[in-house]
Amino acid sequence: AADAIRVNGSYGMVGAGVNATSISQTRDAYYDLKYRK
């Protein structure tokens, strides 16, 4: 979630949407080690 913005309303904070942070791999180093061994 994008950083919320403070407003003067009684509800205090408002959401700012969504941000894509990164594209990562679903890889486990343990299985790499096990496979290579």
PDB file of all heavy atoms in Angstrom:
ATOM      1  N   ALA A   1       0.845  -1.192   0.000  1.00  0.00           N
ATOM      2  CA  ALA A   1       0.000   0.000   0.000  1.00  0.00           C
ATOM      3  C   ALA A   1       0.879   1.240   0.000  1.00  0.00           C
ATOM      4  O   ALA A   1       1.897   1.300   0.692  1.00  0.00           O
ATOM      5  CB  ALA A   1      -0.923   0.002   1.213  1.00  0.00           C
ATOM      6  N   ALA A   2       0.467   2.228  -0.811  1.00  0.00           N
ATOM      7  CA  ALA A   2       1.208   3.487  -0.843  1.00  0.00           C
ATOM      8  C   ALA A   2       1.069   4.197   0.503  1.00  0.00           C
ATOM      9  O   ALA A   2       0.135   3.943   1.282  1.00  0.00           O
ATOM     10  CB  ALA A   2       0.685   4.378  -1.967  1.00  0.00           C
ATOM     11  N   ASP A   3       2.032   5.060   0.806  1.00  0.00           N
ATOM     12  CA  ASP A   3       2.011   5.768   2.086  1.00  0.00           C
ATOM     13  C   ASP A   3       0.733   6.615   2.206  1.00  0.00           C
ATOM     14  O   ASP A   3       0.376   7.374   1.285  1.00  0.00           O
ATOM     15  CB  ASP A   3       3.230   6.681   2.200  1.00  0.00           C
ATOM     16  CG  ASP A   3       4.526   5.888   2.264  1.00  0.00           C
ATOM     17  OD1 ASP A   3       4.466   4.706   2.658  1.00  0.00           O
ATOM     18  OD2 ASP A   3       5.589   6.449   1.911  1.00  0.00           O
ATOM     19  N   ALA A   4       0.054   6.442   3.292  1.00  0.00           N
ATOM     20  CA  ALA A   4      -1.190   7.188   3.531  1.00  0.00           C
ATOM     21  C   ALA A   4      -0.899   8.673   3.742  1.00  0.00           C
ATOM     22  O   ALA A   4       0.208   9.068   4.107  1.00  0.00           O
ATOM     23  CB  ALA A   4      -1.907   6.614   4.745  1.00  0.00           C
ATOM     24  N   ILE A   5      -1.902   9.492   3.503  1.00  0.00           N
ATOM     25  CA  ILE A   5      -1.769  10.946   3.625  1.00  0.00           C
ATOM     26  C   ILE A   5      -2.657  11.428   4.770  1.00  0.00           C
ATOM     27  O   ILE A   5      -3.832  11.043   4.887  1.00  0.00           O
ATOM     28  CB  ILE A   5      -2.171  11.641   2.310  1.00  0.00           C
ATOM     29  CG1 ILE A   5      -1.244  11.191   1.178  1.00  0.00           C
ATOM     30  CG2 ILE A   5      -2.131  13.165   2.463  1.00  0.00           C
ATOM     31  CD1 ILE A   5      -1.649  11.761  -0.174  1.00  0.00           C
ATOM     32  N   ARG A   6      -2.081  12.290   5.626  1.00  0.00           N
ATOM     33  CA  ARG A   6      -2.849  12.837   6.746  1.00  0.00           C
ATOM     34  C   ARG A   6      -3.798  13.931   6.225  1.00  0.00           C
ATOM     35  O   ARG A   6      -3.422  14.759   5.387  1.00  0.00           O
ATOM     36  CB  ARG A   6      -1.927  13.438   7.796  1.00  0.00           C
ATOM     37  CG  ARG A   6      -2.676  14.063   8.994  1.00  0.00           C
ATOM     38  CD  ARG A   6      -1.710  14.565  10.018  1.00  0.00           C
ATOM     39  NE  ARG A   6      -0.990  13.471  10.624  1.00  0.00           N
ATOM     40  CZ  ARG A   6      -1.464  12.713  11.624  1.00  0.00           C
ATOM     41  NH1 ARG A   6      -2.692  12.938  12.095  1.00  0.00           N
ATOM     42  NH2 ARG A   6      -0.751  11.753  12.135  1.00  0.00           N
ATOM     43  N   VAL A   7      -5.015  13.894   6.691  1.00  0.00           N
ATOM     44  CA  VAL A   7      -6.015  14.897   6.305  1.00  0.00           C
ATOM     45  C   VAL A   7      -6.576  15.550   7.574  1.00  0.00           C
ATOM     46  O   VAL A   7      -6.381  15.056   8.683  1.00  0.00           O
ATOM     47  CB  VAL A   7      -7.150  14.255   5.485  1.00  0.00           C
ATOM     48  CG1 VAL A   7      -6.639  13.735   4.168  1.00  0.00           C
ATOM     49  CG2 VAL A   7      -7.857  13.159   6.279  1.00  0.00           C
ATOM     50  N   ASN A   8      -7.294  16.639   7.351  1.00  0.00           N
ATOM     51  CA  ASN A   8      -7.845  17.352   8.501  1.00  0.00           C
ATOM     52  C   ASN A   8      -9.167  16.784   8.985  1.00  0.00           C
ATOM     53  O   ASN A   8      -9.742  17.266   9.947  1.00  0.00           O
ATOM     54  CB  ASN A   8      -8.030  18.843   8.165  1.00  0.00           C
ATOM     55  CG  ASN A   8      -6.687  19.530   7.943  1.00  0.00           C
ATOM     56  OD1 ASN A   8      -5.706  19.166   8.603  1.00  0.00           O
ATOM     57  ND2 ASN A   8      -6.657  20.519   7.046  1.00  0.00           N
ATOM     58  N   GLY A   9      -9.624  15.769   8.250  1.00  0.00           N
ATOM     59  CA  GLY A   9     -10.894  15.169   8.641  1.00  0.00           C
ATOM     60  C   GLY A   9     -10.753  14.360   9.922  1.00  0.00           C
ATOM     61  O   GLY A   9      -9.669  14.048  10.405  1.00  0.00           O
ATOM     62  N   SER A  10     -11.906  13.997  10.447  1.00  0.00           N
ATOM     63  CA  SER A  10     -11.914  13.264  11.709  1.00  0.00           C
ATOM     64  C   SER A  10     -11.308  11.868  11.583  1.00  0.00           C
ATOM     65  O   SER A  10     -10.884  11.273  12.562  1.00  0.00           O
ATOM     66  CB  SER A  10     -13.348  13.162  12.239  1.00  0.00           C
ATOM     67  OG  SER A  10     -14.175  12.495  11.296  1.00  0.00           O
ATOM     68  N   TYR A  11     -11.298  11.346  10.354  1.00  0.00           N
ATOM     69  CA  TYR A  11     -10.762   9.997  10.167  1.00  0.00           C
ATOM     70  C   TYR A  11      -9.241   9.988  10.124  1.00  0.00           C
ATOM     71  O   TYR A  11      -8.625   8.939  10.099  1.00  0.00           O
ATOM     72  CB  TYR A  11     -11.348   9.347   8.903  1.00  0.00           C
ATOM     73  CG  TYR A  11     -11.353  10.224   7.674  1.00  0.00           C
ATOM     74  CD1 TYR A  11     -10.230  10.309   6.863  1.00  0.00           C
ATOM     75  CD2 TYR A  11     -12.491  10.964   7.340  1.00  0.00           C
ATOM     76  CE1 TYR A  11     -10.264  11.121   5.742  1.00  0.00           C
ATOM     77  CE2 TYR A  11     -12.526  11.768   6.229  1.00  0.00           C
ATOM     78  CZ  TYR A  11     -11.392  11.852   5.407  1.00  0.00           C
ATOM     79  OH  TYR A  11     -11.401  12.636   4.303  1.00  0.00           O
ATOM     80  N   GLY A  12      -8.575  11.113  10.016  1.00  0.00           N
ATOM     81  CA  GLY A  12      -7.142  11.238  10.225  1.00  0.00           C
ATOM     82  C   GLY A  12      -6.244  10.963   9.032  1.00  0.00           C
ATOM     83  O   GLY A  12      -5.460  11.817   8.633  1.00  0.00           O
ATOM     84  N   MET A  13      -6.309   9.750   8.427  1.00  0.00           N
ATOM     85  CA  MET A  13      -5.404   9.353   7.338  1.00  0.00           C
ATOM     86  C   MET A  13      -6.244   8.822   6.177  1.00  0.00           C
ATOM     87  O   MET A  13      -7.286   8.200   6.386  1.00  0.00           O
ATOM     88  CB  MET A  13      -4.436   8.265   7.786  1.00  0.00           C
ATOM     89  CG  MET A  13      -3.579   8.621   8.994  1.00  0.00           C
ATOM     90  SD  MET A  13      -2.243   9.762   8.611  1.00  0.00           S
ATOM     91  CE  MET A  13      -1.142   8.695   7.719  1.00  0.00           C
ATOM     92  N   VAL A  14      -5.743   9.034   4.933  1.00  0.00           N
ATOM     93  CA  VAL A  14      -6.442   8.518   3.763  1.00  0.00           C
ATOM     94  C   VAL A  14      -5.461   7.686   2.924  1.00  0.00           C
ATOM     95  O   VAL A  14      -4.300   8.054   2.759  1.00  0.00           O
ATOM     96  CB  VAL A  14      -7.040   9.655   2.922  1.00  0.00           C
ATOM     97  CG1 VAL A  14      -5.966  10.581   2.374  1.00  0.00           C
ATOM     98  CG2 VAL A  14      -7.900   9.091   1.790  1.00  0.00           C
ATOM     99  N   GLY A  15      -5.937   6.563   2.431  1.00  0.00           N
ATOM    100  CA  GLY A  15      -5.076   5.696   1.619  1.00  0.00           C
ATOM    101  C   GLY A  15      -4.709   6.327   0.298  1.00  0.00           C
ATOM    102  O   GLY A  15      -5.497   7.068  -0.288  1.00  0.00           O
ATOM    103  N   ALA A  16      -3.500   5.974  -0.207  1.00  0.00           N
ATOM    104  CA  ALA A  16      -3.007   6.595  -1.440  1.00  0.00           C
ATOM    105  C   ALA A  16      -2.867   5.595  -2.582  1.00  0.00           C
ATOM    106  O   ALA A  16      -2.208   5.861  -3.575  1.00  0.00           O
ATOM    107  CB  ALA A  16      -1.656   7.266  -1.176  1.00  0.00           C
ATOM    108  N   GLY A  17      -3.448   4.419  -2.435  1.00  0.00           N
ATOM    109  CA  GLY A  17      -3.380   3.453  -3.518  1.00  0.00           C
ATOM    110  C   GLY A  17      -2.342   2.368  -3.267  1.00  0.00           C
ATOM    111  O   GLY A  17      -2.078   1.997  -2.115  1.00  0.00           O
ATOM    112  N   VAL A  18      -1.729   1.857  -4.347  1.00  0.00           N
ATOM    113  CA  VAL A  18      -0.797   0.728  -4.262  1.00  0.00           C
ATOM    114  C   VAL A  18       0.472   1.047  -5.060  1.00  0.00           C
ATOM    115  O   VAL A  18       0.419   1.756  -6.073  1.00  0.00           O
ATOM    116  CB  VAL A  18      -1.461  -0.563  -4.788  1.00  0.00           C
ATOM    117  CG1 VAL A  18      -1.824  -0.436  -6.253  1.00  0.00           C
ATOM    118  CG2 VAL A  18      -0.571  -1.773  -4.548  1.00  0.00           C
ATOM    119  N   ASN A  19       1.580   0.523  -4.582  1.00  0.00           N
ATOM    120  CA  ASN A  19       2.856   0.673  -5.290  1.00  0.00           C
ATOM    121  C   ASN A  19       3.471  -0.695  -5.565  1.00  0.00           C
ATOM    122  O   ASN A  19       3.440  -1.589  -4.698  1.00  0.00           O
ATOM    123  CB  ASN A  19       3.858   1.495  -4.470  1.00  0.00           C
ATOM    124  CG  ASN A  19       3.497   2.962  -4.437  1.00  0.00           C
ATOM    125  OD1 ASN A  19       2.869   3.476  -5.363  1.00  0.00           O
ATOM    126  ND2 ASN A  19       3.888   3.632  -3.367  1.00  0.00           N
ATOM    127  N   ALA A  20       4.030  -0.900  -6.773  1.00  0.00           N
ATOM    128  CA  ALA A  20       4.813  -2.102  -7.085  1.00  0.00           C
ATOM    129  C   ALA A  20       6.250  -1.838  -6.647  1.00  0.00           C
ATOM    130  O   ALA A  20       6.890  -0.904  -7.142  1.00  0.00           O
ATOM    131  CB  ALA A  20       4.756  -2.415  -8.573  1.00  0.00           C
ATOM    132  N   THR A  21       6.745  -2.634  -5.708  1.00  0.00           N
ATOM    133  CA  THR A  21       8.081  -2.369  -5.143  1.00  0.00           C
ATOM    134  C   THR A  21       9.198  -3.078  -5.895  1.00  0.00           C
ATOM    135  O   THR A  21      10.287  -2.530  -6.075  1.00  0.00           O
ATOM    136  CB  THR A  21       8.121  -2.800  -3.677  1.00  0.00           C
ATOM    137  OG1 THR A  21       7.770  -4.196  -3.575  1.00  0.00           O
ATOM    138  CG2 THR A  21       7.140  -1.974  -2.855  1.00  0.00           C
ATOM    139  N   SER A  22       8.946  -4.317  -6.346  1.00  0.00           N
ATOM    140  CA  SER A  22      10.006  -5.061  -7.032  1.00  0.00           C
ATOM    141  C   SER A  22       9.423  -6.324  -7.653  1.00  0.00           C
ATOM    142  O   SER A  22       8.299  -6.729  -7.333  1.00  0.00           O
ATOM    143  CB  SER A  22      11.137  -5.442  -6.070  1.00  0.00           C
ATOM    144  OG  SER A  22      10.665  -6.339  -5.069  1.00  0.00           O
ATOM    145  N   ILE A  23      10.205  -6.911  -8.534  1.00  0.00           N
ATOM    146  CA  ILE A  23       9.877  -8.240  -9.073  1.00  0.00           C
ATOM    147  C   ILE A  23      10.976  -9.194  -8.589  1.00  0.00           C
ATOM    148  O   ILE A  23      12.155  -9.010  -8.914  1.00  0.00           O
ATOM    149  CB  ILE A  23       9.812  -8.226 -10.603  1.00  0.00           C
ATOM    150  CG1 ILE A  23       8.702  -7.298 -11.091  1.00  0.00           C
ATOM    151  CG2 ILE A  23       9.582  -9.646 -11.140  1.00  0.00           C
ATOM    152  CD1 ILE A  23       8.643  -7.152 -12.595  1.00  0.00           C
ATOM    153  N   SER A  24      10.591 -10.166  -7.808  1.00  0.00           N
ATOM    154  CA  SER A  24      11.577 -11.076  -7.206  1.00  0.00           C
ATOM    155  C   SER A  24      11.325 -12.518  -7.633  1.00  0.00           C
ATOM    156  O   SER A  24      10.282 -12.841  -8.217  1.00  0.00           O
ATOM    157  CB  SER A  24      11.552 -10.961  -5.684  1.00  0.00           C
ATOM    158  OG  SER A  24      10.276 -11.338  -5.189  1.00  0.00           O
ATOM    159  N   GLN A  25      12.299 -13.378  -7.325  1.00  0.00           N
ATOM    160  CA  GLN A  25      12.211 -14.789  -7.661  1.00  0.00           C
ATOM    161  C   GLN A  25      11.764 -15.601  -6.453  1.00  0.00           C
ATOM    162  O   GLN A  25      12.154 -15.304  -5.318  1.00  0.00           O
ATOM    163  CB  GLN A  25      13.573 -15.313  -8.131  1.00  0.00           C
ATOM    164  CG  GLN A  25      14.080 -14.670  -9.408  1.00  0.00           C
ATOM    165  CD  GLN A  25      15.472 -15.169  -9.759  1.00  0.00           C
ATOM    166  OE1 GLN A  25      16.387 -15.118  -8.952  1.00  0.00           O
ATOM    167  NE2 GLN A  25      15.640 -15.653 -10.988  1.00  0.00           N
ATOM    168  N   THR A  26      10.969 -16.632  -6.704  1.00  0.00           N
ATOM    169  CA  THR A  26      10.554 -17.532  -5.626  1.00  0.00           C
ATOM    170  C   THR A  26      11.555 -18.683  -5.558  1.00  0.00           C
ATOM    171  O   THR A  26      11.289 -19.798  -5.990  1.00  0.00           O
ATOM    172  CB  THR A  26       9.138 -18.083  -5.875  1.00  0.00           C
ATOM    173  OG1 THR A  26       9.131 -18.762  -7.147  1.00  0.00           O
ATOM    174  CG2 THR A  26       8.122 -16.974  -5.898  1.00  0.00           C
ATOM    175  N   ARG A  27      12.734 -18.381  -5.030  1.00  0.00           N
ATOM    176  CA  ARG A  27      13.831 -19.356  -5.012  1.00  0.00           C
ATOM    177  C   ARG A  27      14.279 -19.560  -3.571  1.00  0.00           C
ATOM    178  O   ARG A  27      14.344 -18.620  -2.790  1.00  0.00           O
ATOM    179  CB  ARG A  27      14.985 -18.852  -5.865  1.00  0.00           C
ATOM    180  CG  ARG A  27      15.976 -19.937  -6.258  1.00  0.00           C
ATOM    181  CD  ARG A  27      17.029 -19.429  -7.228  1.00  0.00           C
ATOM    182  NE  ARG A  27      17.832 -20.528  -7.729  1.00  0.00           N
ATOM    183  CZ  ARG A  27      17.639 -21.129  -8.881  1.00  0.00           C
ATOM    184  NH1 ARG A  27      16.662 -20.721  -9.666  1.00  0.00           N
ATOM    185  NH2 ARG A  27      18.405 -22.135  -9.258  1.00  0.00           N
ATOM    186  N   ASP A  28      14.611 -20.825  -3.242  1.00  0.00           N
ATOM    187  CA  ASP A  28      15.050 -21.180  -1.899  1.00  0.00           C
ATOM    188  C   ASP A  28      16.500 -21.658  -1.973  1.00  0.00           C
ATOM    189  O   ASP A  28      16.799 -22.673  -2.617  1.00  0.00           O
ATOM    190  CB  ASP A  28      14.160 -22.285  -1.336  1.00  0.00           C
ATOM    191  CG  ASP A  28      14.380 -22.511   0.161  1.00  0.00           C
ATOM    192  OD1 ASP A  28      15.532 -22.351   0.611  1.00  0.00           O
ATOM    193  OD2 ASP A  28      13.415 -22.859   0.862  1.00  0.00           O
ATOM    194  N   ALA A  29      17.409 -20.940  -1.314  1.00  0.00           N
ATOM    195  CA  ALA A  29      18.839 -21.282  -1.348  1.00  0.00           C
ATOM    196  C   ALA A  29      19.099 -22.672  -0.761  1.00  0.00           C
ATOM    197  O   ALA A  29      20.054 -23.352  -1.168  1.00  0.00           O
ATOM    198  CB  ALA A  29      19.648 -20.232  -0.593  1.00  0.00           C
ATOM    199  N   TYR A  30      18.266 -23.091   0.176  1.00  0.00           N
ATOM    200  CA  TYR A  30      18.454 -24.420   0.777  1.00  0.00           C
ATOM    201  C   TYR A  30      18.303 -25.521  -0.266  1.00  0.00           C
ATOM    202  O   TYR A  30      19.107 -26.455  -0.319  1.00  0.00           O
ATOM    203  CB  TYR A  30      17.431 -24.627   1.901  1.00  0.00           C
ATOM    204  CG  TYR A  30      17.369 -26.061   2.385  1.00  0.00           C
ATOM    205  CD1 TYR A  30      18.373 -26.596   3.184  1.00  0.00           C
ATOM    206  CD2 TYR A  30      16.298 -26.883   2.026  1.00  0.00           C
ATOM    207  CE1 TYR A  30      18.319 -27.911   3.624  1.00  0.00           C
ATOM    208  CE2 TYR A  30      16.229 -28.195   2.462  1.00  0.00           C
ATOM    209  CZ  TYR A  30      17.245 -28.706   3.253  1.00  0.00           C
ATOM    210  OH  TYR A  30      17.192 -30.010   3.673  1.00  0.00           O
ATOM    211  N   TYR A  31      17.291 -25.396  -1.121  1.00  0.00           N
ATOM    212  CA  TYR A  31      17.085 -26.416  -2.155  1.00  0.00           C
ATOM    213  C   TYR A  31      18.162 -26.349  -3.238  1.00  0.00           C
ATOM    214  O   TYR A  31      18.518 -27.370  -3.834  1.00  0.00           O
ATOM    215  CB  TYR A  31      15.695 -26.276  -2.770  1.00  0.00           C
ATOM    216  CG  TYR A  31      14.596 -26.784  -1.858  1.00  0.00           C
ATOM    217  CD1 TYR A  31      13.583 -25.948  -1.402  1.00  0.00           C
ATOM    218  CD2 TYR A  31      14.584 -28.112  -1.443  1.00  0.00           C
ATOM    219  CE1 TYR A  31      12.582 -26.412  -0.571  1.00  0.00           C
ATOM    220  CE2 TYR A  31      13.589 -28.589  -0.598  1.00  0.00           C
ATOM    221  CZ  TYR A  31      12.594 -27.737  -0.167  1.00  0.00           C
ATOM    222  OH  TYR A  31      11.613 -28.210   0.672  1.00  0.00           O
ATOM    223  N   ASP A  32      18.698 -25.148  -3.484  1.00  0.00           N
ATOM    224  CA  ASP A  32      19.821 -25.046  -4.413  1.00  0.00           C
ATOM    225  C   ASP A  32      21.021 -25.821  -3.867  1.00  0.00           C
ATOM    226  O   ASP A  32      21.673 -26.579  -4.590  1.00  0.00           O
ATOM    227  CB  ASP A  32      20.213 -23.578  -4.625  1.00  0.00           C
ATOM    228  CG  ASP A  32      19.229 -22.845  -5.518  1.00  0.00           C
ATOM    229  OD1 ASP A  32      18.492 -23.525  -6.259  1.00  0.00           O
ATOM    230  OD2 ASP A  32      19.195 -21.605  -5.474  1.00  0.00           O
ATOM    231  N   LEU A  33      21.310 -25.614  -2.601  1.00  0.00           N
ATOM    232  CA  LEU A  33      22.434 -26.311  -1.963  1.00  0.00           C
ATOM    233  C   LEU A  33      22.219 -27.822  -1.978  1.00  0.00           C
ATOM    234  O   LEU A  33      23.123 -28.599  -2.312  1.00  0.00           O
ATOM    235  CB  LEU A  33      22.590 -25.809  -0.527  1.00  0.00           C
ATOM    236  CG  LEU A  33      23.660 -26.497   0.335  1.00  0.00           C
ATOM    237  CD1 LEU A  33      25.050 -26.217  -0.234  1.00  0.00           C
ATOM    238  CD2 LEU A  33      23.573 -26.012   1.782  1.00  0.00           C
ATOM    239  N   LYS A  34      21.002 -28.225  -1.650  1.00  0.00           N
ATOM    240  CA  LYS A  34      20.672 -29.646  -1.602  1.00  0.00           C
ATOM    241  C   LYS A  34      20.755 -30.277  -2.986  1.00  0.00           C
ATOM    242  O   LYS A  34      21.273 -31.403  -3.154  1.00  0.00           O
ATOM    243  CB  LYS A  34      19.259 -29.811  -1.022  1.00  0.00           C
ATOM    244  CG  LYS A  34      18.900 -31.219  -0.601  1.00  0.00           C
ATOM    245  CD  LYS A  34      17.547 -31.224   0.112  1.00  0.00           C
ATOM    246  CE  LYS A  34      17.171 -32.634   0.548  1.00  0.00           C
ATOM    247  NZ  LYS A  34      15.857 -32.657   1.229  1.00  0.00           N
ATOM    248  N   TYR A  35      20.254 -29.557  -3.984  1.00  0.00           N
ATOM    249  CA  TYR A  35      20.279 -30.078  -5.345  1.00  0.00           C
ATOM    250  C   TYR A  35      21.714 -30.249  -5.832  1.00  0.00           C
ATOM    251  O   TYR A  35      22.069 -31.286  -6.415  1.00  0.00           O
ATOM    252  CB  TYR A  35      19.517 -29.141  -6.276  1.00  0.00           C
ATOM    253  CG  TYR A  35      19.612 -29.538  -7.735  1.00  0.00           C
ATOM    254  CD1 TYR A  35      18.777 -30.519  -8.268  1.00  0.00           C
ATOM    255  CD2 TYR A  35      20.552 -28.937  -8.573  1.00  0.00           C
ATOM    256  CE1 TYR A  35      18.882 -30.897  -9.597  1.00  0.00           C
ATOM    257  CE2 TYR A  35      20.663 -29.311  -9.897  1.00  0.00           C
ATOM    258  CZ  TYR A  35      19.823 -30.282 -10.411  1.00  0.00           C
ATOM    259  OH  TYR A  35      19.941 -30.657 -11.726  1.00  0.00           O
ATOM    260  N   ARG A  36      22.545 -29.255  -5.617  1.00  0.00           N
ATOM    261  CA  ARG A  36      23.916 -29.320  -6.123  1.00  0.00           C
ATOM    262  C   ARG A  36      24.748 -30.374  -5.417  1.00  0.00           C
ATOM    263  O   ARG A  36      25.609 -31.001  -6.024  1.00  0.00           O
ATOM    264  CB  ARG A  36      24.556 -27.928  -6.008  1.00  0.00           C
ATOM    265  CG  ARG A  36      23.966 -26.943  -7.011  1.00  0.00           C
ATOM    266  CD  ARG A  36      24.224 -25.505  -6.662  1.00  0.00           C
ATOM    267  NE  ARG A  36      23.504 -24.613  -7.589  1.00  0.00           N
ATOM    268  CZ  ARG A  36      23.296 -23.332  -7.389  1.00  0.00           C
ATOM    269  NH1 ARG A  36      23.768 -22.751  -6.286  1.00  0.00           N
ATOM    270  NH2 ARG A  36      22.629 -22.610  -8.273  1.00  0.00           N
ATOM    271  N   LYS A  37      24.497 -30.570  -4.161  1.00  0.00           N
ATOM    272  CA  LYS A  37      25.194 -31.628  -3.433  1.00  0.00           C
ATOM    273  C   LYS A  37      24.827 -32.994  -3.991  1.00  0.00           C
ATOM    274  O   LYS A  37      25.692 -33.852  -4.222  1.00  0.00           O
ATOM    275  CB  LYS A  37      24.841 -31.553  -1.942  1.00  0.00           C
ATOM    276  CG  LYS A  37      25.539 -32.602  -1.097  1.00  0.00           C
ATOM    277  CD  LYS A  37      25.171 -32.457   0.374  1.00  0.00           C
ATOM    278  CE  LYS A  37      25.855 -33.531   1.219  1.00  0.00           C
ATOM    279  NZ  LYS A  37      25.496 -33.406   2.654  1.00  0.00           N
TER     280      LYS A  37
END
